[in-house]
Amino acid sequence: MAKVCRGESSAGISPETSRKVVEAIEESIPLYDRVNNLISFGKAQVARKFAIQKLQLADGRVVLDAGIGPGTTSKLITELAKPSLLVGLDASSKQLKAAKSNLEAAKASLQLVRGSFEFLPFRDGVFDAIITCYALRDSLDIPKAIGEYRRICAQSGAFADVDLGKPDNTLKRAGSVVYIRYVMPLIARAAIYGKMKGNPWRMIVPTYKPLPTNGSLLLRMRNLFATVEFKDYLMGGIIVIIARRTSA
């Protein structure tokens, strides 16, 4: 049985914040990739590609893209491998509809499922590879969601988490907080000016506040998985974690 850290508390957003986040992401769909690449200085996509490559997706695997959004990560997966089944999960029916439309040209065996990260509607050990990009921090209960990913991961499988990071170093963390709270919304607002009302990217701020530090998140992963690899970008502001059920 996996160890659980003493004194570890749940981390996640409130149901009300979750509802607002879903609405914001749905609103952002037309400019989702363009603005995300701008506010991450191009590193959002770089991190996705790195994670997919580290998963070593051989043809014929069963893959889950959790928090599929408009299908950005799934599109990369189909460009690099040919899964026997690619499952996209999201809490938003509008996001699933957008993903279906954006992935039509990929000609992949695609199944779309609406559900939550904390109660994944899948059998134990069914996926060879699982990836979630910029979505784990949207969980109501991050530790529970990670436990669910481990449950549905095959014994020889791997789980990849790509997300914003919260550096352990105080100065770096302060820099990330200032950027996300003040600078990033300004860049997003400039990018969407005249193209949509409001600023959906403002909802990144309340999802970042309860996010565990990079070190705390890594400790949680190491308590549940046999091996864990870590890579960061922008001084820990974007992270990639590759966790495997068994060691090589």
C-alpha atoms as a PDB file:
ATOM      1  CA  MET A   1       0.000   0.000   0.000  1.00  0.00           C
ATOM      2  CA  ALA A   2       1.345   3.440  -0.944  1.00  0.00           C
ATOM      3  CA  LYS A   3       2.555   5.726   1.821  1.00  0.00           C
ATOM      4  CA  VAL A   4       0.700   8.911   2.621  1.00  0.00           C
ATOM      5  CA  CYS A   5       2.541  11.896   4.039  1.00  0.00           C
ATOM      6  CA  ARG A   6       1.638  12.658   7.633  1.00  0.00           C
ATOM      7  CA  GLY A   7       0.030  16.025   7.958  1.00  0.00           C
ATOM      8  CA  GLU A   8      -0.592  16.244   4.219  1.00  0.00           C
ATOM      9  CA  SER A   9      -3.733  18.208   3.537  1.00  0.00           C
ATOM     10  CA  SER A  10      -5.897  18.231   0.454  1.00  0.00           C
ATOM     11  CA  ALA A  11      -5.182  20.861  -2.157  1.00  0.00           C
ATOM     12  CA  GLY A  12      -7.625  21.971  -4.784  1.00  0.00           C
ATOM     13  CA  ILE A  13     -10.103  24.602  -5.833  1.00  0.00           C
ATOM     14  CA  SER A  14     -13.643  25.078  -4.559  1.00  0.00           C
ATOM     15  CA  PRO A  15     -16.705  23.858  -6.533  1.00  0.00           C
ATOM     16  CA  GLU A  16     -17.660  27.479  -7.231  1.00  0.00           C
ATOM     17  CA  THR A  17     -14.194  28.275  -8.565  1.00  0.00           C
ATOM     18  CA  SER A  18     -14.318  25.079 -10.629  1.00  0.00           C
ATOM     19  CA  ARG A  19     -17.555  26.207 -12.273  1.00  0.00           C
ATOM     20  CA  LYS A  20     -16.034  29.585 -13.138  1.00  0.00           C
ATOM     21  CA  VAL A  21     -12.865  27.936 -14.482  1.00  0.00           C
ATOM     22  CA  VAL A  22     -14.889  25.700 -16.808  1.00  0.00           C
ATOM     23  CA  GLU A  23     -16.818  28.722 -18.085  1.00  0.00           C
ATOM     24  CA  ALA A  24     -13.577  30.655 -18.623  1.00  0.00           C
ATOM     25  CA  ILE A  25     -11.937  27.808 -20.544  1.00  0.00           C
ATOM     26  CA  GLU A  26     -15.020  27.408 -22.718  1.00  0.00           C
ATOM     27  CA  GLU A  27     -14.911  31.143 -23.447  1.00  0.00           C
ATOM     28  CA  SER A  28     -11.219  30.942 -24.354  1.00  0.00           C
ATOM     29  CA  ILE A  29     -11.525  28.121 -26.922  1.00  0.00           C
ATOM     30  CA  PRO A  30     -11.155  30.275 -30.096  1.00  0.00           C
ATOM     31  CA  LEU A  31      -7.837  31.743 -28.886  1.00  0.00           C
ATOM     32  CA  TYR A  32      -6.779  29.016 -26.452  1.00  0.00           C
ATOM     33  CA  ASP A  33      -3.514  27.876 -28.059  1.00  0.00           C
ATOM     34  CA  ARG A  34      -2.394  31.283 -29.323  1.00  0.00           C
ATOM     35  CA  VAL A  35      -2.734  33.063 -25.993  1.00  0.00           C
ATOM     36  CA  ASN A  36      -1.331  30.176 -23.948  1.00  0.00           C
ATOM     37  CA  ASN A  37       1.803  30.166 -26.072  1.00  0.00           C
ATOM     38  CA  LEU A  38       2.147  33.922 -25.671  1.00  0.00           C
ATOM     39  CA  ILE A  39       1.805  33.969 -21.888  1.00  0.00           C
ATOM     40  CA  SER A  40       4.198  31.002 -21.535  1.00  0.00           C
ATOM     41  CA  PHE A  41       6.762  32.417 -24.001  1.00  0.00           C
ATOM     42  CA  GLY A  42       6.242  29.321 -26.148  1.00  0.00           C
ATOM     43  CA  LYS A  43       7.103  26.893 -23.342  1.00  0.00           C
ATOM     44  CA  ALA A  44       3.565  25.516 -22.928  1.00  0.00           C
ATOM     45  CA  GLN A  45       3.846  23.543 -26.153  1.00  0.00           C
ATOM     46  CA  VAL A  46       7.503  22.651 -25.569  1.00  0.00           C
ATOM     47  CA  ALA A  47       6.560  21.057 -22.240  1.00  0.00           C
ATOM     48  CA  ARG A  48       3.721  19.109 -23.860  1.00  0.00           C
ATOM     49  CA  LYS A  49       6.013  17.682 -26.527  1.00  0.00           C
ATOM     50  CA  PHE A  50       8.657  16.744 -23.964  1.00  0.00           C
ATOM     51  CA  ALA A  51       6.098  14.875 -21.836  1.00  0.00           C
ATOM     52  CA  ILE A  52       4.698  12.964 -24.803  1.00  0.00           C
ATOM     53  CA  GLN A  53       8.189  11.933 -25.892  1.00  0.00           C
ATOM     54  CA  LYS A  54       9.052  10.760 -22.363  1.00  0.00           C
ATOM     55  CA  LEU A  55       5.913   8.598 -22.303  1.00  0.00           C
ATOM     56  CA  GLN A  56       7.440   6.635 -25.198  1.00  0.00           C
ATOM     57  CA  LEU A  57       4.124   6.018 -26.881  1.00  0.00           C
ATOM     58  CA  ALA A  58       4.501   2.975 -29.104  1.00  0.00           C
ATOM     59  CA  ASP A  59       1.770   2.310 -31.654  1.00  0.00           C
ATOM     60  CA  GLY A  60      -1.174   0.306 -30.359  1.00  0.00           C
ATOM     61  CA  ARG A  61      -1.210   1.760 -26.836  1.00  0.00           C
ATOM     62  CA  VAL A  62      -4.324   2.879 -24.962  1.00  0.00           C
ATOM     63  CA  VAL A  63      -3.875   6.523 -23.969  1.00  0.00           C
ATOM     64  CA  LEU A  64      -5.863   8.957 -21.807  1.00  0.00           C
ATOM     65  CA  ASP A  65      -5.707  12.722 -22.283  1.00  0.00           C
ATOM     66  CA  ALA A  66      -7.282  13.986 -19.052  1.00  0.00           C
ATOM     67  CA  GLY A  67      -8.543  17.534 -19.348  1.00  0.00           C
ATOM     68  CA  ILE A  68      -8.457  17.302 -23.124  1.00  0.00           C
ATOM     69  CA  GLY A  69      -9.765  20.840 -23.640  1.00  0.00           C
ATOM     70  CA  PRO A  70      -9.891  21.698 -27.343  1.00  0.00           C
ATOM     71  CA  GLY A  71      -7.602  18.761 -28.165  1.00  0.00           C
ATOM     72  CA  THR A  72      -4.187  20.455 -28.270  1.00  0.00           C
ATOM     73  CA  THR A  73      -2.314  17.639 -26.514  1.00  0.00           C
ATOM     74  CA  SER A  74      -4.229  14.857 -28.268  1.00  0.00           C
ATOM     75  CA  LYS A  75      -3.327  16.346 -31.629  1.00  0.00           C
ATOM     76  CA  LEU A  76       0.355  16.137 -30.714  1.00  0.00           C
ATOM     77  CA  ILE A  77      -0.100  12.547 -29.561  1.00  0.00           C
ATOM     78  CA  THR A  78      -1.619  11.503 -32.895  1.00  0.00           C
ATOM     79  CA  GLU A  79       1.240  13.201 -34.742  1.00  0.00           C
ATOM     80  CA  LEU A  80       3.857  11.220 -32.801  1.00  0.00           C
ATOM     81  CA  ALA A  81       2.138   7.834 -32.382  1.00  0.00           C
ATOM     82  CA  LYS A  82      -0.861   5.763 -33.409  1.00  0.00           C
ATOM     83  CA  PRO A  83      -2.721   4.712 -30.244  1.00  0.00           C
ATOM     84  CA  SER A  84      -5.140   1.840 -30.598  1.00  0.00           C
ATOM     85  CA  LEU A  85      -7.477   4.014 -28.544  1.00  0.00           C
ATOM     86  CA  LEU A  86      -7.165   7.652 -27.503  1.00  0.00           C
ATOM     87  CA  VAL A  87      -9.586   8.679 -24.761  1.00  0.00           C
ATOM     88  CA  GLY A  88     -10.227  12.339 -24.039  1.00  0.00           C
ATOM     89  CA  LEU A  89     -11.787  13.262 -20.713  1.00  0.00           C
ATOM     90  CA  ASP A  90     -13.134  16.661 -19.708  1.00  0.00           C
ATOM     91  CA  ALA A  91     -15.755  18.123 -17.386  1.00  0.00           C
ATOM     92  CA  SER A  92     -17.018  20.409 -20.154  1.00  0.00           C
ATOM     93  CA  SER A  93     -19.240  19.172 -22.967  1.00  0.00           C
ATOM     94  CA  LYS A  94     -18.293  22.273 -24.998  1.00  0.00           C
ATOM     95  CA  GLN A  95     -14.610  21.387 -24.682  1.00  0.00           C
ATOM     96  CA  LEU A  96     -15.299  17.819 -25.770  1.00  0.00           C
ATOM     97  CA  LYS A  97     -17.226  19.090 -28.783  1.00  0.00           C
ATOM     98  CA  ALA A  98     -14.314  21.375 -29.702  1.00  0.00           C
ATOM     99  CA  ALA A  99     -11.829  18.507 -29.305  1.00  0.00           C
ATOM    100  CA  LYS A 100     -13.901  16.254 -31.564  1.00  0.00           C
ATOM    101  CA  SER A 101     -13.980  18.930 -34.247  1.00  0.00           C
ATOM    102  CA  ASN A 102     -10.255  19.697 -33.983  1.00  0.00           C
ATOM    103  CA  LEU A 103      -9.253  16.021 -34.086  1.00  0.00           C
ATOM    104  CA  GLU A 104     -11.384  14.925 -37.048  1.00  0.00           C
ATOM    105  CA  ALA A 105      -8.447  15.190 -39.424  1.00  0.00           C
ATOM    106  CA  ALA A 106      -6.244  13.060 -37.140  1.00  0.00           C
ATOM    107  CA  LYS A 107      -8.241   9.919 -38.008  1.00  0.00           C
ATOM    108  CA  ALA A 108      -7.477   8.452 -34.592  1.00  0.00           C
ATOM    109  CA  SER A 109      -9.619   5.956 -32.730  1.00  0.00           C
ATOM    110  CA  LEU A 110     -11.030   8.575 -30.367  1.00  0.00           C
ATOM    111  CA  GLN A 111     -13.456   8.214 -27.485  1.00  0.00           C
ATOM    112  CA  LEU A 112     -14.642  11.276 -25.560  1.00  0.00           C
ATOM    113  CA  VAL A 113     -15.855  11.026 -21.979  1.00  0.00           C
ATOM    114  CA  ARG A 114     -17.308  13.634 -19.661  1.00  0.00           C
ATOM    115  CA  GLY A 115     -16.168  13.224 -16.068  1.00  0.00           C
ATOM    116  CA  SER A 116     -14.214  14.559 -13.117  1.00  0.00           C
ATOM    117  CA  PHE A 117     -10.570  13.972 -12.190  1.00  0.00           C
ATOM    118  CA  GLU A 118     -11.471  12.812  -8.679  1.00  0.00           C
ATOM    119  CA  PHE A 119     -13.835  10.040  -9.853  1.00  0.00           C
ATOM    120  CA  LEU A 120     -12.431   8.734 -13.126  1.00  0.00           C
ATOM    121  CA  PRO A 121     -14.999   6.485 -14.857  1.00  0.00           C
ATOM    122  CA  PHE A 122     -12.498   3.804 -15.913  1.00  0.00           C
ATOM    123  CA  ARG A 123     -11.407   0.333 -14.785  1.00  0.00           C
ATOM    124  CA  ASP A 124      -8.239  -0.207 -12.764  1.00  0.00           C
ATOM    125  CA  GLY A 125      -5.047  -0.409 -14.836  1.00  0.00           C
ATOM    126  CA  VAL A 126      -6.751   0.156 -18.195  1.00  0.00           C
ATOM    127  CA  PHE A 127      -4.403   2.816 -19.659  1.00  0.00           C
ATOM    128  CA  ASP A 128      -0.857   2.299 -20.922  1.00  0.00           C
ATOM    129  CA  ALA A 129      -0.229   6.035 -20.735  1.00  0.00           C
ATOM    130  CA  ILE A 130      -1.998   8.982 -19.110  1.00  0.00           C
ATOM    131  CA  ILE A 131      -1.274  12.640 -19.658  1.00  0.00           C
ATOM    132  CA  THR A 132      -2.851  15.746 -18.188  1.00  0.00           C
ATOM    133  CA  CYS A 133      -1.732  19.183 -19.365  1.00  0.00           C
ATOM    134  CA  TYR A 134      -2.475  22.377 -17.462  1.00  0.00           C
ATOM    135  CA  ALA A 135      -5.445  20.711 -15.797  1.00  0.00           C
ATOM    136  CA  LEU A 136      -4.364  19.037 -12.541  1.00  0.00           C
ATOM    137  CA  ARG A 137      -4.524  22.363 -10.700  1.00  0.00           C
ATOM    138  CA  ASP A 138      -8.217  22.591 -11.708  1.00  0.00           C
ATOM    139  CA  SER A 139      -9.006  19.590  -9.491  1.00  0.00           C
ATOM    140  CA  LEU A 140     -11.257  19.904  -6.456  1.00  0.00           C
ATOM    141  CA  ASP A 141      -8.874  17.527  -4.655  1.00  0.00           C
ATOM    142  CA  ILE A 142      -5.412  17.216  -6.204  1.00  0.00           C
ATOM    143  CA  PRO A 143      -4.165  14.273  -4.057  1.00  0.00           C
ATOM    144  CA  LYS A 144      -7.351  12.325  -4.813  1.00  0.00           C
ATOM    145  CA  ALA A 145      -7.011  13.019  -8.537  1.00  0.00           C
ATOM    146  CA  ILE A 146      -3.403  11.771  -8.517  1.00  0.00           C
ATOM    147  CA  GLY A 147      -4.534   8.630  -6.717  1.00  0.00           C
ATOM    148  CA  GLU A 148      -7.153   8.072  -9.400  1.00  0.00           C
ATOM    149  CA  TYR A 149      -4.550   8.426 -12.150  1.00  0.00           C
ATOM    150  CA  ARG A 150      -2.411   5.811 -10.451  1.00  0.00           C
ATOM    151  CA  ARG A 151      -5.410   3.468 -10.123  1.00  0.00           C
ATOM    152  CA  ILE A 152      -6.213   3.492 -13.840  1.00  0.00           C
ATOM    153  CA  CYS A 153      -2.562   3.340 -14.940  1.00  0.00           C
ATOM    154  CA  ALA A 154      -1.381  -0.094 -16.139  1.00  0.00           C
ATOM    155  CA  GLN A 155       1.328  -1.801 -14.096  1.00  0.00           C
ATOM    156  CA  SER A 156       3.827  -1.100 -16.867  1.00  0.00           C
ATOM    157  CA  GLY A 157       2.304   2.291 -17.661  1.00  0.00           C
ATOM    158  CA  ALA A 158       3.219   5.910 -16.998  1.00  0.00           C
ATOM    159  CA  PHE A 159       1.476   9.102 -15.968  1.00  0.00           C
ATOM    160  CA  ALA A 160       2.597  12.555 -17.150  1.00  0.00           C
ATOM    161  CA  ASP A 161       1.578  15.805 -15.496  1.00  0.00           C
ATOM    162  CA  VAL A 162       2.324  19.074 -17.302  1.00  0.00           C
ATOM    163  CA  ASP A 163       1.253  22.203 -15.479  1.00  0.00           C
ATOM    164  CA  LEU A 164       2.145  25.528 -13.979  1.00  0.00           C
ATOM    165  CA  GLY A 165       4.666  25.091 -11.194  1.00  0.00           C
ATOM    166  CA  LYS A 166       5.052  26.692  -7.788  1.00  0.00           C
ATOM    167  CA  PRO A 167       8.806  26.815  -7.060  1.00  0.00           C
ATOM    168  CA  ASP A 168      10.046  25.857  -3.599  1.00  0.00           C
ATOM    169  CA  ASN A 169      12.600  28.648  -3.630  1.00  0.00           C
ATOM    170  CA  THR A 170      10.981  31.693  -1.989  1.00  0.00           C
ATOM    171  CA  LEU A 171      12.305  34.247  -4.477  1.00  0.00           C
ATOM    172  CA  LYS A 172      11.425  32.163  -7.530  1.00  0.00           C
ATOM    173  CA  ARG A 173       7.958  31.484  -6.104  1.00  0.00           C
ATOM    174  CA  ALA A 174       7.422  35.204  -5.483  1.00  0.00           C
ATOM    175  CA  GLY A 175       8.412  35.894  -9.085  1.00  0.00           C
ATOM    176  CA  SER A 176       5.941  33.292 -10.365  1.00  0.00           C
ATOM    177  CA  VAL A 177       3.142  34.690  -8.214  1.00  0.00           C
ATOM    178  CA  VAL A 178       3.769  38.255  -9.426  1.00  0.00           C
ATOM    179  CA  TYR A 179       3.861  37.117 -13.049  1.00  0.00           C
ATOM    180  CA  ILE A 180       0.677  35.027 -12.826  1.00  0.00           C
ATOM    181  CA  ARG A 181      -1.280  37.530 -10.765  1.00  0.00           C
ATOM    182  CA  TYR A 182      -0.309  40.764 -12.513  1.00  0.00           C
ATOM    183  CA  VAL A 183       1.743  40.386 -15.707  1.00  0.00           C
ATOM    184  CA  MET A 184       0.123  37.364 -17.362  1.00  0.00           C
ATOM    185  CA  PRO A 185      -3.421  38.824 -17.331  1.00  0.00           C
ATOM    186  CA  LEU A 186      -2.105  41.982 -19.016  1.00  0.00           C
ATOM    187  CA  ILE A 187      -0.432  39.970 -21.793  1.00  0.00           C
ATOM    188  CA  ALA A 188      -3.592  37.916 -22.283  1.00  0.00           C
ATOM    189  CA  ARG A 189      -5.772  41.040 -22.342  1.00  0.00           C
ATOM    190  CA  ALA A 190      -3.567  42.619 -25.018  1.00  0.00           C
ATOM    191  CA  ALA A 191      -3.678  39.411 -27.102  1.00  0.00           C
ATOM    192  CA  ILE A 192      -7.480  39.148 -27.019  1.00  0.00           C
ATOM    193  CA  TYR A 193      -8.253  42.863 -27.298  1.00  0.00           C
ATOM    194  CA  GLY A 194     -11.176  43.360 -29.678  1.00  0.00           C
ATOM    195  CA  LYS A 195     -11.584  39.599 -30.168  1.00  0.00           C
ATOM    196  CA  MET A 196     -13.623  38.622 -27.115  1.00  0.00           C
ATOM    197  CA  LYS A 197     -15.260  40.184 -24.092  1.00  0.00           C
ATOM    198  CA  GLY A 198     -13.664  39.892 -20.692  1.00  0.00           C
ATOM    199  CA  ASN A 199     -10.449  37.982 -19.976  1.00  0.00           C
ATOM    200  CA  PRO A 200     -10.878  34.226 -19.401  1.00  0.00           C
ATOM    201  CA  TRP A 201      -7.191  33.888 -18.474  1.00  0.00           C
ATOM    202  CA  ARG A 202      -7.856  35.796 -15.235  1.00  0.00           C
ATOM    203  CA  MET A 203      -9.185  32.512 -13.823  1.00  0.00           C
ATOM    204  CA  ILE A 204      -5.688  31.028 -13.790  1.00  0.00           C
ATOM    205  CA  VAL A 205      -5.003  33.075 -10.649  1.00  0.00           C
ATOM    206  CA  PRO A 206      -7.456  31.305  -8.267  1.00  0.00           C
ATOM    207  CA  THR A 207      -6.310  27.876  -9.505  1.00  0.00           C
ATOM    208  CA  TYR A 208      -2.672  28.725  -8.803  1.00  0.00           C
ATOM    209  CA  LYS A 209      -3.163  29.842  -5.195  1.00  0.00           C
ATOM    210  CA  PRO A 210      -3.992  26.372  -3.702  1.00  0.00           C
ATOM    211  CA  LEU A 211      -1.467  24.564  -5.919  1.00  0.00           C
ATOM    212  CA  PRO A 212       1.156  22.638  -3.876  1.00  0.00           C
ATOM    213  CA  THR A 213       4.795  23.614  -4.268  1.00  0.00           C
ATOM    214  CA  ASN A 214       6.796  21.621  -6.792  1.00  0.00           C
ATOM    215  CA  GLY A 215       8.552  19.756  -3.986  1.00  0.00           C
ATOM    216  CA  SER A 216       5.295  18.828  -2.259  1.00  0.00           C
ATOM    217  CA  LEU A 217       3.785  17.612  -5.511  1.00  0.00           C
ATOM    218  CA  LEU A 218       6.866  15.517  -6.274  1.00  0.00           C
ATOM    219  CA  LEU A 219       6.729  13.959  -2.794  1.00  0.00           C
ATOM    220  CA  ARG A 220       3.115  12.978  -3.353  1.00  0.00           C
ATOM    221  CA  MET A 221       4.013  11.373  -6.685  1.00  0.00           C
ATOM    222  CA  ARG A 222       6.959   9.487  -5.162  1.00  0.00           C
ATOM    223  CA  ASN A 223       4.686   8.062  -2.477  1.00  0.00           C
ATOM    224  CA  LEU A 224       2.396   6.593  -5.130  1.00  0.00           C
ATOM    225  CA  PHE A 225       4.668   5.665  -8.049  1.00  0.00           C
ATOM    226  CA  ALA A 226       7.861   3.598  -8.320  1.00  0.00           C
ATOM    227  CA  THR A 227       9.877   6.146 -10.311  1.00  0.00           C
ATOM    228  CA  VAL A 228       9.383   9.855 -10.879  1.00  0.00           C
ATOM    229  CA  GLU A 229      11.191  12.180 -13.307  1.00  0.00           C
ATOM    230  CA  PHE A 230      11.021  15.966 -13.128  1.00  0.00           C
ATOM    231  CA  LYS A 231      11.781  18.778 -15.556  1.00  0.00           C
ATOM    232  CA  ASP A 232      10.999  22.459 -15.258  1.00  0.00           C
ATOM    233  CA  TYR A 233      10.907  25.515 -17.495  1.00  0.00           C
ATOM    234  CA  LEU A 234      10.885  29.234 -16.733  1.00  0.00           C
ATOM    235  CA  MET A 235      12.644  28.710 -13.381  1.00  0.00           C
ATOM    236  CA  GLY A 236      10.042  26.239 -12.160  1.00  0.00           C
ATOM    237  CA  GLY A 237       7.041  28.158 -13.483  1.00  0.00           C
ATOM    238  CA  ILE A 238       6.114  25.260 -15.796  1.00  0.00           C
ATOM    239  CA  ILE A 239       6.785  21.671 -14.758  1.00  0.00           C
ATOM    240  CA  VAL A 240       6.698  18.188 -16.253  1.00  0.00           C
ATOM    241  CA  ILE A 241       6.444  15.135 -14.020  1.00  0.00           C
ATOM    242  CA  ILE A 242       6.697  11.618 -15.461  1.00  0.00           C
ATOM    243  CA  ALA A 243       5.611   8.956 -12.965  1.00  0.00           C
ATOM    244  CA  ARG A 244       5.812   5.197 -13.621  1.00  0.00           C
ATOM    245  CA  ARG A 245       4.065   2.363 -11.793  1.00  0.00           C
ATOM    246  CA  THR A 246       7.159   0.151 -11.938  1.00  0.00           C
ATOM    247  CA  SER A 247      10.857   0.904 -12.256  1.00  0.00           C
ATOM    248  CA  ALA A 248      12.616   0.161 -15.534  1.00  0.00           C
END
